[in-house]
N, C-alpha and C. Protein backbone atom coordinates (compact mmCIF):
# COMPACT_ATOMS: atom_id res chain seq x y z
N MET A 1 32.76 7.79 7.88
CA MET A 1 31.40 7.97 8.31
C MET A 1 30.51 8.46 7.16
N ARG A 2 31.01 9.42 6.39
CA ARG A 2 30.22 9.94 5.27
C ARG A 2 29.94 8.86 4.23
N VAL A 3 30.92 8.03 3.96
CA VAL A 3 30.75 6.94 2.99
C VAL A 3 29.67 5.98 3.46
N PHE A 4 29.70 5.61 4.74
CA PHE A 4 28.70 4.72 5.30
C PHE A 4 27.31 5.33 5.19
N LEU A 5 27.16 6.61 5.52
CA LEU A 5 25.88 7.30 5.44
C LEU A 5 25.38 7.34 4.00
N PHE A 6 26.26 7.62 3.05
CA PHE A 6 25.89 7.64 1.64
C PHE A 6 25.39 6.28 1.17
N ILE A 7 26.09 5.21 1.55
CA ILE A 7 25.69 3.85 1.16
C ILE A 7 24.34 3.51 1.79
N PHE A 8 24.13 3.87 3.06
CA PHE A 8 22.87 3.60 3.73
C PHE A 8 21.72 4.32 3.02
N ILE A 9 21.88 5.59 2.68
CA ILE A 9 20.84 6.35 1.98
C ILE A 9 20.57 5.74 0.60
N LEU A 10 21.62 5.36 -0.07
CA LEU A 10 21.48 4.74 -1.38
C LEU A 10 20.70 3.43 -1.29
N LEU A 11 21.00 2.62 -0.30
CA LEU A 11 20.28 1.35 -0.11
C LEU A 11 18.81 1.58 0.20
N VAL A 12 18.52 2.53 1.05
CA VAL A 12 17.13 2.83 1.40
C VAL A 12 16.38 3.31 0.17
N ALA A 13 16.96 4.21 -0.57
CA ALA A 13 16.32 4.73 -1.78
C ALA A 13 16.09 3.62 -2.79
N THR A 14 17.06 2.76 -3.01
CA THR A 14 16.94 1.65 -3.96
C THR A 14 15.88 0.67 -3.49
N THR A 15 15.84 0.37 -2.20
CA THR A 15 14.85 -0.55 -1.66
C THR A 15 13.44 -0.02 -1.89
N ASN A 16 13.22 1.26 -1.69
CA ASN A 16 11.90 1.84 -1.93
C ASN A 16 11.49 1.71 -3.38
N ILE A 17 12.41 1.89 -4.29
CA ILE A 17 12.10 1.75 -5.71
C ILE A 17 11.71 0.31 -6.02
N VAL A 18 12.47 -0.64 -5.50
CA VAL A 18 12.19 -2.05 -5.75
C VAL A 18 10.84 -2.42 -5.16
N VAL A 19 10.55 -1.97 -3.94
CA VAL A 19 9.28 -2.28 -3.30
C VAL A 19 8.14 -1.68 -4.11
N ALA A 20 8.31 -0.43 -4.55
CA ALA A 20 7.25 0.21 -5.34
C ALA A 20 7.02 -0.57 -6.62
N GLN A 21 8.09 -1.01 -7.29
CA GLN A 21 7.91 -1.78 -8.51
C GLN A 21 7.35 -3.16 -8.20
N GLY A 22 7.71 -3.71 -7.05
CA GLY A 22 7.24 -5.04 -6.69
C GLY A 22 5.75 -5.10 -6.43
N THR A 23 5.12 -3.98 -6.10
CA THR A 23 3.68 -3.98 -5.84
C THR A 23 2.87 -3.86 -7.13
N ARG A 24 3.48 -3.54 -8.23
CA ARG A 24 2.80 -3.39 -9.51
C ARG A 24 2.87 -4.70 -10.29
N VAL A 25 1.72 -5.16 -10.78
CA VAL A 25 1.69 -6.36 -11.59
C VAL A 25 2.04 -5.98 -13.02
N VAL A 26 3.03 -6.65 -13.57
CA VAL A 26 3.50 -6.37 -14.91
C VAL A 26 3.10 -7.52 -15.83
N HIS A 27 2.49 -7.18 -16.96
CA HIS A 27 2.03 -8.18 -17.93
C HIS A 27 2.95 -8.15 -19.15
N THR A 28 3.41 -9.31 -19.57
CA THR A 28 4.22 -9.41 -20.78
C THR A 28 3.44 -10.05 -21.92
N ALA A 29 2.22 -10.51 -21.64
CA ALA A 29 1.36 -11.11 -22.66
C ALA A 29 -0.08 -11.09 -22.15
N PHE A 30 -1.01 -11.09 -23.08
CA PHE A 30 -2.44 -11.15 -22.78
C PHE A 30 -3.06 -12.22 -23.67
N THR A 31 -4.02 -12.94 -23.16
CA THR A 31 -4.84 -13.81 -24.00
C THR A 31 -6.03 -12.98 -24.48
N ILE A 32 -6.76 -13.49 -25.45
CA ILE A 32 -7.97 -12.80 -25.90
C ILE A 32 -8.94 -12.68 -24.72
N GLN A 33 -8.98 -13.71 -23.86
CA GLN A 33 -9.85 -13.65 -22.69
C GLN A 33 -9.41 -12.53 -21.74
N ASP A 34 -8.10 -12.34 -21.56
CA ASP A 34 -7.60 -11.23 -20.74
C ASP A 34 -8.06 -9.89 -21.32
N LEU A 35 -7.96 -9.77 -22.64
CA LEU A 35 -8.39 -8.53 -23.30
C LEU A 35 -9.90 -8.34 -23.15
N ALA A 36 -10.66 -9.44 -23.23
CA ALA A 36 -12.11 -9.37 -23.04
C ALA A 36 -12.44 -8.86 -21.64
N GLU A 37 -11.73 -9.36 -20.64
CA GLU A 37 -11.95 -8.91 -19.27
C GLU A 37 -11.58 -7.44 -19.10
N THR A 38 -10.57 -7.00 -19.83
CA THR A 38 -10.20 -5.59 -19.79
C THR A 38 -11.31 -4.73 -20.40
N LEU A 39 -11.91 -5.21 -21.49
CA LEU A 39 -13.06 -4.49 -22.08
C LEU A 39 -14.22 -4.46 -21.10
N ASP A 40 -14.42 -5.57 -20.35
CA ASP A 40 -15.46 -5.59 -19.31
C ASP A 40 -15.22 -4.49 -18.29
N LEU A 41 -13.96 -4.34 -17.86
CA LEU A 41 -13.61 -3.30 -16.88
C LEU A 41 -13.96 -1.91 -17.41
N LEU A 42 -13.82 -1.73 -18.72
CA LEU A 42 -14.10 -0.43 -19.35
C LEU A 42 -15.57 -0.27 -19.71
N GLY A 43 -16.39 -1.31 -19.48
CA GLY A 43 -17.82 -1.24 -19.76
C GLY A 43 -18.15 -1.29 -21.25
N LEU A 44 -17.29 -1.90 -22.06
CA LEU A 44 -17.52 -1.96 -23.50
C LEU A 44 -18.20 -3.27 -23.89
N LYS A 45 -19.12 -3.20 -24.85
CA LYS A 45 -19.81 -4.37 -25.35
C LYS A 45 -19.00 -4.99 -26.48
N TYR A 46 -18.90 -6.31 -26.47
CA TYR A 46 -18.10 -6.99 -27.48
C TYR A 46 -18.63 -8.42 -27.65
N THR A 47 -18.22 -9.03 -28.74
CA THR A 47 -18.43 -10.46 -28.95
C THR A 47 -17.08 -11.05 -29.34
N GLN A 48 -16.95 -12.34 -29.12
CA GLN A 48 -15.74 -13.03 -29.50
C GLN A 48 -16.08 -13.91 -30.69
N GLU A 49 -15.26 -13.86 -31.72
CA GLU A 49 -15.52 -14.72 -32.87
C GLU A 49 -14.23 -15.35 -33.36
N PRO A 50 -14.34 -16.55 -33.91
CA PRO A 50 -13.14 -17.24 -34.38
C PRO A 50 -12.59 -16.61 -35.65
N VAL A 51 -11.28 -16.70 -35.80
CA VAL A 51 -10.58 -16.32 -37.03
C VAL A 51 -9.54 -17.40 -37.29
N ASP A 52 -9.14 -17.55 -38.53
CA ASP A 52 -8.10 -18.50 -38.86
C ASP A 52 -6.76 -17.84 -38.57
N GLY A 53 -6.21 -18.14 -37.40
CA GLY A 53 -4.98 -17.50 -36.95
C GLY A 53 -3.76 -17.81 -37.79
N LEU A 54 -3.74 -18.94 -38.48
CA LEU A 54 -2.62 -19.33 -39.32
C LEU A 54 -1.29 -19.29 -38.58
N GLY A 55 -1.33 -19.47 -37.25
CA GLY A 55 -0.10 -19.49 -36.47
C GLY A 55 0.50 -18.12 -36.24
N VAL A 56 -0.10 -17.08 -36.78
CA VAL A 56 0.44 -15.73 -36.63
C VAL A 56 -0.36 -14.93 -35.61
N ILE A 57 -1.68 -15.07 -35.68
CA ILE A 57 -2.54 -14.35 -34.75
C ILE A 57 -3.35 -15.36 -33.94
N ALA A 58 -3.99 -14.88 -32.88
CA ALA A 58 -4.82 -15.74 -32.04
C ALA A 58 -5.98 -16.29 -32.87
N ASP A 59 -6.52 -17.42 -32.43
CA ASP A 59 -7.61 -18.07 -33.15
C ASP A 59 -8.96 -17.38 -32.95
N ASN A 60 -8.99 -16.37 -32.10
CA ASN A 60 -10.20 -15.59 -31.86
C ASN A 60 -9.87 -14.11 -31.89
N ARG A 61 -10.87 -13.31 -32.18
CA ARG A 61 -10.72 -11.87 -32.10
C ARG A 61 -11.93 -11.32 -31.36
N LEU A 62 -11.82 -10.11 -30.90
CA LEU A 62 -12.93 -9.45 -30.23
C LEU A 62 -13.51 -8.42 -31.19
N VAL A 63 -14.83 -8.40 -31.28
CA VAL A 63 -15.55 -7.43 -32.10
C VAL A 63 -16.25 -6.49 -31.12
N VAL A 64 -15.84 -5.24 -31.11
CA VAL A 64 -16.33 -4.27 -30.12
C VAL A 64 -17.32 -3.34 -30.79
N ASP A 65 -18.51 -3.25 -30.20
CA ASP A 65 -19.55 -2.34 -30.70
C ASP A 65 -19.51 -1.09 -29.83
N ASP A 66 -18.88 -0.05 -30.37
CA ASP A 66 -18.60 1.17 -29.60
C ASP A 66 -19.05 2.40 -30.38
N GLY A 67 -20.23 2.32 -31.00
CA GLY A 67 -20.66 3.38 -31.91
C GLY A 67 -20.15 3.09 -33.31
N VAL A 68 -18.88 2.84 -33.42
CA VAL A 68 -18.24 2.31 -34.62
C VAL A 68 -17.70 0.94 -34.24
N VAL A 69 -17.94 -0.05 -35.08
CA VAL A 69 -17.45 -1.40 -34.78
C VAL A 69 -15.95 -1.45 -35.04
N TRP A 70 -15.22 -2.04 -34.08
CA TRP A 70 -13.78 -2.23 -34.24
C TRP A 70 -13.39 -3.58 -33.70
N PHE A 71 -12.18 -4.00 -34.02
CA PHE A 71 -11.72 -5.35 -33.72
C PHE A 71 -10.43 -5.32 -32.91
N ILE A 72 -10.22 -6.36 -32.09
CA ILE A 72 -8.94 -6.57 -31.41
C ILE A 72 -8.41 -7.92 -31.85
N TYR A 73 -7.19 -7.92 -32.37
CA TYR A 73 -6.50 -9.14 -32.78
C TYR A 73 -5.27 -9.32 -31.89
N GLY A 74 -5.02 -10.55 -31.45
CA GLY A 74 -3.80 -10.87 -30.71
C GLY A 74 -2.74 -11.36 -31.68
N TYR A 75 -1.51 -10.90 -31.54
CA TYR A 75 -0.40 -11.31 -32.41
C TYR A 75 0.75 -11.88 -31.58
N ASN A 76 1.61 -12.63 -32.24
CA ASN A 76 2.77 -13.26 -31.61
C ASN A 76 2.31 -14.09 -30.41
N CYS A 77 1.33 -14.95 -30.66
CA CYS A 77 0.69 -15.74 -29.62
C CYS A 77 1.37 -17.10 -29.47
N GLN A 78 1.48 -17.55 -28.21
CA GLN A 78 2.14 -18.82 -27.94
C GLN A 78 1.40 -19.57 -26.87
N ASP A 79 1.76 -20.78 -26.66
CA ASP A 79 1.25 -21.73 -25.68
C ASP A 79 -0.22 -22.08 -25.96
N ALA A 80 -0.73 -23.02 -25.19
CA ALA A 80 -2.10 -23.52 -25.40
C ALA A 80 -3.15 -22.43 -25.17
N GLU A 81 -2.86 -21.51 -24.27
CA GLU A 81 -3.81 -20.43 -23.98
C GLU A 81 -3.72 -19.29 -24.98
N GLN A 82 -2.77 -19.37 -25.89
CA GLN A 82 -2.52 -18.33 -26.88
C GLN A 82 -2.26 -16.98 -26.20
N SER A 83 -1.26 -16.95 -25.36
CA SER A 83 -0.82 -15.70 -24.75
C SER A 83 -0.10 -14.89 -25.82
N CYS A 84 -0.56 -13.67 -26.03
CA CYS A 84 -0.04 -12.83 -27.12
C CYS A 84 0.76 -11.66 -26.56
N THR A 85 1.94 -11.43 -27.11
CA THR A 85 2.78 -10.32 -26.66
C THR A 85 2.47 -9.02 -27.40
N GLU A 86 1.57 -9.08 -28.36
CA GLU A 86 1.17 -7.89 -29.12
C GLU A 86 -0.32 -8.01 -29.41
N PHE A 87 -0.99 -6.87 -29.49
CA PHE A 87 -2.34 -6.88 -30.02
C PHE A 87 -2.57 -5.63 -30.84
N GLN A 88 -3.57 -5.73 -31.70
CA GLN A 88 -3.88 -4.62 -32.61
C GLN A 88 -5.36 -4.32 -32.55
N MET A 89 -5.68 -3.04 -32.53
CA MET A 89 -7.07 -2.59 -32.65
C MET A 89 -7.23 -2.04 -34.06
N ARG A 90 -8.34 -2.41 -34.70
CA ARG A 90 -8.52 -2.06 -36.11
C ARG A 90 -9.99 -1.74 -36.39
N ALA A 91 -10.22 -0.71 -37.18
CA ALA A 91 -11.55 -0.37 -37.68
C ALA A 91 -11.46 -0.24 -39.19
N VAL A 92 -12.47 -0.74 -39.88
CA VAL A 92 -12.53 -0.66 -41.34
C VAL A 92 -13.82 0.07 -41.70
N ILE A 93 -13.68 1.19 -42.40
CA ILE A 93 -14.83 2.04 -42.70
C ILE A 93 -14.97 2.15 -44.21
N GLN A 94 -16.12 1.67 -44.71
CA GLN A 94 -16.41 1.73 -46.15
C GLN A 94 -16.75 3.17 -46.54
N GLU A 95 -16.34 3.56 -47.74
CA GLU A 95 -16.64 4.89 -48.25
C GLU A 95 -17.74 4.81 -49.30
N THR A 96 -18.45 5.91 -49.47
CA THR A 96 -19.47 5.98 -50.52
C THR A 96 -18.80 6.38 -51.82
N LYS A 97 -19.44 6.05 -52.93
CA LYS A 97 -18.92 6.48 -54.23
C LYS A 97 -19.03 7.99 -54.38
N GLN A 98 -20.05 8.58 -53.74
CA GLN A 98 -20.22 10.04 -53.82
C GLN A 98 -19.08 10.78 -53.14
N ALA A 99 -18.38 10.10 -52.25
CA ALA A 99 -17.31 10.76 -51.49
C ALA A 99 -16.02 10.88 -52.27
N ALA A 100 -15.97 10.30 -53.45
CA ALA A 100 -14.72 10.30 -54.23
C ALA A 100 -14.20 11.71 -54.48
N ASN A 101 -15.10 12.70 -54.55
CA ASN A 101 -14.68 14.08 -54.82
C ASN A 101 -14.19 14.81 -53.58
N THR A 102 -14.49 14.30 -52.39
CA THR A 102 -14.12 14.98 -51.15
C THR A 102 -13.33 14.04 -50.25
N LEU A 103 -12.24 13.51 -50.74
CA LEU A 103 -11.48 12.53 -49.99
C LEU A 103 -10.73 13.15 -48.81
N LEU A 104 -10.76 12.44 -47.71
CA LEU A 104 -9.98 12.83 -46.54
C LEU A 104 -8.50 12.68 -46.87
N ASP A 105 -7.70 13.66 -46.49
CA ASP A 105 -6.26 13.60 -46.74
C ASP A 105 -5.63 12.71 -45.67
N ILE A 106 -5.43 11.43 -46.01
CA ILE A 106 -4.92 10.44 -45.07
C ILE A 106 -3.50 10.80 -44.61
N ASP A 107 -2.65 11.26 -45.52
CA ASP A 107 -1.28 11.61 -45.14
C ASP A 107 -1.27 12.72 -44.09
N GLN A 108 -2.10 13.72 -44.28
CA GLN A 108 -2.17 14.81 -43.31
C GLN A 108 -2.71 14.28 -41.98
N TRP A 109 -3.72 13.44 -42.03
CA TRP A 109 -4.27 12.89 -40.79
C TRP A 109 -3.19 12.12 -40.03
N ASN A 110 -2.41 11.31 -40.75
CA ASN A 110 -1.33 10.54 -40.11
C ASN A 110 -0.26 11.45 -39.51
N ARG A 111 0.06 12.55 -40.18
CA ARG A 111 1.06 13.48 -39.65
C ARG A 111 0.58 14.12 -38.35
N GLU A 112 -0.71 14.36 -38.25
CA GLU A 112 -1.28 15.07 -37.10
C GLU A 112 -1.69 14.14 -35.96
N ASN A 113 -1.67 12.84 -36.16
CA ASN A 113 -2.14 11.88 -35.16
C ASN A 113 -1.11 10.78 -35.00
N ARG A 114 -0.37 10.85 -33.93
CA ARG A 114 0.85 10.08 -33.75
C ARG A 114 0.68 8.60 -33.45
N PHE A 115 -0.28 8.19 -32.66
CA PHE A 115 -0.29 6.82 -32.16
C PHE A 115 -1.08 5.83 -32.99
N VAL A 116 -1.85 6.29 -33.93
CA VAL A 116 -2.61 5.40 -34.81
C VAL A 116 -2.23 5.70 -36.25
N ARG A 117 -2.52 4.74 -37.13
CA ARG A 117 -2.24 4.99 -38.54
C ARG A 117 -3.50 4.71 -39.34
N ALA A 118 -3.64 5.45 -40.40
CA ALA A 118 -4.78 5.28 -41.30
C ALA A 118 -4.25 5.04 -42.70
N TYR A 119 -4.98 4.24 -43.45
CA TYR A 119 -4.62 4.00 -44.85
C TYR A 119 -5.84 3.49 -45.59
N ARG A 120 -5.76 3.52 -46.90
CA ARG A 120 -6.83 3.00 -47.75
C ARG A 120 -6.63 1.50 -47.94
N SER A 121 -7.74 0.80 -48.07
CA SER A 121 -7.68 -0.63 -48.35
C SER A 121 -7.12 -0.84 -49.76
N PRO A 122 -6.63 -2.04 -50.04
CA PRO A 122 -6.11 -2.30 -51.39
C PRO A 122 -7.14 -2.03 -52.49
N SER A 123 -8.42 -2.26 -52.20
CA SER A 123 -9.46 -1.99 -53.20
C SER A 123 -9.72 -0.50 -53.37
N GLY A 124 -9.30 0.30 -52.38
CA GLY A 124 -9.47 1.74 -52.47
C GLY A 124 -10.82 2.25 -52.01
N ASN A 125 -11.73 1.36 -51.59
CA ASN A 125 -13.06 1.83 -51.20
C ASN A 125 -13.33 1.73 -49.69
N ALA A 126 -12.27 1.59 -48.91
CA ALA A 126 -12.43 1.57 -47.46
C ALA A 126 -11.23 2.26 -46.81
N LEU A 127 -11.48 2.86 -45.67
CA LEU A 127 -10.42 3.45 -44.86
C LEU A 127 -10.20 2.54 -43.66
N ILE A 128 -8.94 2.32 -43.32
CA ILE A 128 -8.59 1.44 -42.21
C ILE A 128 -7.80 2.25 -41.19
N LEU A 129 -8.18 2.11 -39.95
CA LEU A 129 -7.48 2.75 -38.84
C LEU A 129 -6.95 1.64 -37.95
N GLU A 130 -5.66 1.70 -37.58
CA GLU A 130 -5.04 0.66 -36.76
C GLU A 130 -4.17 1.27 -35.67
N MET A 131 -4.05 0.51 -34.58
CA MET A 131 -3.13 0.87 -33.50
C MET A 131 -2.57 -0.42 -32.91
N ASP A 132 -1.26 -0.50 -32.80
CA ASP A 132 -0.59 -1.67 -32.24
C ASP A 132 -0.20 -1.39 -30.79
N VAL A 133 -0.26 -2.44 -29.96
CA VAL A 133 0.18 -2.37 -28.57
C VAL A 133 1.17 -3.51 -28.38
N TYR A 134 2.36 -3.17 -27.91
CA TYR A 134 3.46 -4.12 -27.72
C TYR A 134 3.65 -4.34 -26.23
N LEU A 135 3.53 -5.59 -25.78
CA LEU A 135 3.58 -5.90 -24.35
C LEU A 135 4.91 -6.48 -23.89
N ALA A 136 5.74 -6.96 -24.81
CA ALA A 136 7.01 -7.59 -24.43
C ALA A 136 7.82 -6.62 -23.58
N GLY A 137 8.43 -7.14 -22.54
CA GLY A 137 9.17 -6.30 -21.61
C GLY A 137 8.32 -5.94 -20.40
N GLY A 138 7.00 -5.97 -20.56
CA GLY A 138 6.10 -5.78 -19.45
C GLY A 138 5.44 -4.42 -19.37
N VAL A 139 4.15 -4.44 -19.16
CA VAL A 139 3.37 -3.22 -18.94
C VAL A 139 2.34 -3.50 -17.85
N ALA A 140 1.90 -2.46 -17.18
CA ALA A 140 0.85 -2.58 -16.17
C ALA A 140 -0.51 -2.57 -16.86
N LEU A 141 -1.51 -3.11 -16.20
CA LEU A 141 -2.87 -3.13 -16.74
C LEU A 141 -3.33 -1.71 -17.04
N GLY A 142 -2.96 -0.75 -16.20
CA GLY A 142 -3.33 0.64 -16.44
C GLY A 142 -2.83 1.16 -17.77
N ASN A 143 -1.64 0.71 -18.18
CA ASN A 143 -1.12 1.12 -19.48
C ASN A 143 -1.97 0.55 -20.61
N VAL A 144 -2.39 -0.70 -20.47
CA VAL A 144 -3.23 -1.33 -21.51
C VAL A 144 -4.57 -0.62 -21.60
N THR A 145 -5.19 -0.31 -20.47
CA THR A 145 -6.47 0.40 -20.53
C THR A 145 -6.28 1.81 -21.10
N ASP A 146 -5.17 2.45 -20.77
CA ASP A 146 -4.88 3.77 -21.35
C ASP A 146 -4.75 3.68 -22.87
N GLN A 147 -4.11 2.61 -23.35
CA GLN A 147 -3.95 2.42 -24.80
C GLN A 147 -5.32 2.25 -25.47
N ILE A 148 -6.20 1.49 -24.83
CA ILE A 148 -7.55 1.29 -25.39
C ILE A 148 -8.32 2.61 -25.38
N LEU A 149 -8.20 3.39 -24.32
CA LEU A 149 -8.86 4.70 -24.28
C LEU A 149 -8.30 5.64 -25.34
N LEU A 150 -6.98 5.63 -25.53
CA LEU A 150 -6.37 6.44 -26.59
C LEU A 150 -6.89 6.02 -27.95
N TRP A 151 -7.02 4.71 -28.18
CA TRP A 151 -7.58 4.18 -29.42
C TRP A 151 -8.99 4.71 -29.64
N ARG A 152 -9.82 4.63 -28.61
CA ARG A 152 -11.22 5.07 -28.73
C ARG A 152 -11.29 6.56 -29.05
N GLN A 153 -10.44 7.37 -28.41
CA GLN A 153 -10.41 8.80 -28.71
C GLN A 153 -9.99 9.04 -30.16
N SER A 154 -8.98 8.32 -30.60
CA SER A 154 -8.49 8.48 -31.98
C SER A 154 -9.53 8.02 -32.98
N LEU A 155 -10.22 6.93 -32.70
CA LEU A 155 -11.27 6.43 -33.59
C LEU A 155 -12.40 7.44 -33.71
N ARG A 156 -12.79 8.04 -32.59
CA ARG A 156 -13.83 9.08 -32.64
C ARG A 156 -13.38 10.28 -33.48
N LYS A 157 -12.14 10.70 -33.26
CA LYS A 157 -11.60 11.83 -34.01
C LYS A 157 -11.56 11.50 -35.51
N PHE A 158 -11.14 10.28 -35.84
CA PHE A 158 -11.08 9.84 -37.23
C PHE A 158 -12.48 9.78 -37.84
N SER A 159 -13.43 9.24 -37.08
CA SER A 159 -14.82 9.16 -37.56
C SER A 159 -15.39 10.54 -37.83
N LEU A 160 -15.09 11.49 -36.96
CA LEU A 160 -15.58 12.86 -37.18
C LEU A 160 -14.93 13.49 -38.41
N ALA A 161 -13.65 13.21 -38.63
CA ALA A 161 -12.98 13.74 -39.82
C ALA A 161 -13.59 13.15 -41.09
N ILE A 162 -13.90 11.87 -41.06
CA ILE A 162 -14.54 11.23 -42.22
C ILE A 162 -15.93 11.80 -42.44
N GLU A 163 -16.69 11.92 -41.35
CA GLU A 163 -18.04 12.46 -41.44
C GLU A 163 -18.02 13.87 -42.02
N ALA A 164 -17.02 14.66 -41.64
CA ALA A 164 -16.89 16.03 -42.16
C ALA A 164 -16.68 16.02 -43.67
N HIS A 165 -16.13 14.92 -44.19
CA HIS A 165 -15.92 14.79 -45.63
C HIS A 165 -17.02 13.94 -46.27
N ASN A 166 -18.08 13.65 -45.53
CA ASN A 166 -19.23 12.88 -46.04
C ASN A 166 -18.82 11.55 -46.65
N GLN A 167 -17.94 10.82 -46.00
CA GLN A 167 -17.44 9.60 -46.58
C GLN A 167 -17.98 8.32 -45.93
N VAL A 168 -18.49 8.39 -44.73
CA VAL A 168 -18.81 7.16 -44.02
C VAL A 168 -20.15 6.57 -44.45
N VAL A 169 -20.18 5.25 -44.65
CA VAL A 169 -21.41 4.55 -44.94
C VAL A 169 -21.57 3.38 -43.99
N THR A 170 -20.71 2.41 -44.13
CA THR A 170 -20.79 1.20 -43.32
C THR A 170 -19.41 0.82 -42.82
N VAL A 171 -19.42 -0.02 -41.84
CA VAL A 171 -18.17 -0.55 -41.31
C VAL A 171 -18.19 -2.04 -41.56
N GLU A 172 -17.12 -2.57 -42.08
CA GLU A 172 -17.03 -4.01 -42.30
C GLU A 172 -15.62 -4.48 -42.11
N GLU A 173 -15.45 -5.76 -42.17
CA GLU A 173 -14.16 -6.37 -41.90
C GLU A 173 -13.37 -6.56 -43.19
N ILE A 174 -12.09 -6.26 -43.12
CA ILE A 174 -11.15 -6.59 -44.18
C ILE A 174 -9.94 -7.17 -43.49
N HIS A 175 -9.50 -8.34 -43.90
CA HIS A 175 -8.30 -8.95 -43.28
C HIS A 175 -7.07 -8.43 -43.95
């Protein structure tokens, strides 16, 4: 009798977990259009512009005007709709020549900020902030919006750190 009761409780508990997971939509890829619709949900202004994907990234990217201009690129894209299992958010911030004496300590910033990375451009006159989102295996839409919100918070924090060092002038694109 105890064995039967244990199996019954186990089945009920397992069924509830499966039902709960079954009600959640899981995404393993997003198109640029899917990402654009997600930005719409968040009330963000953006434009879509073509890029030469070279078979590595989507043929379009999103340019988001959020106080600081930033970009969304789709990576590992497949099929005719270019469904991408990864995407990256990136901001490129040009520095002034006057700021050379008061450089932001990028290594320290990276140590203190876990989910995004910052580095200098190869030319040395721009700071780049990036965050990758990996969708393979499946994530809920709420996770994707949370990642975008985390990105926006990190970008604001980074912008304030740069401003504190009097380094920001313009934002532009670097591939």
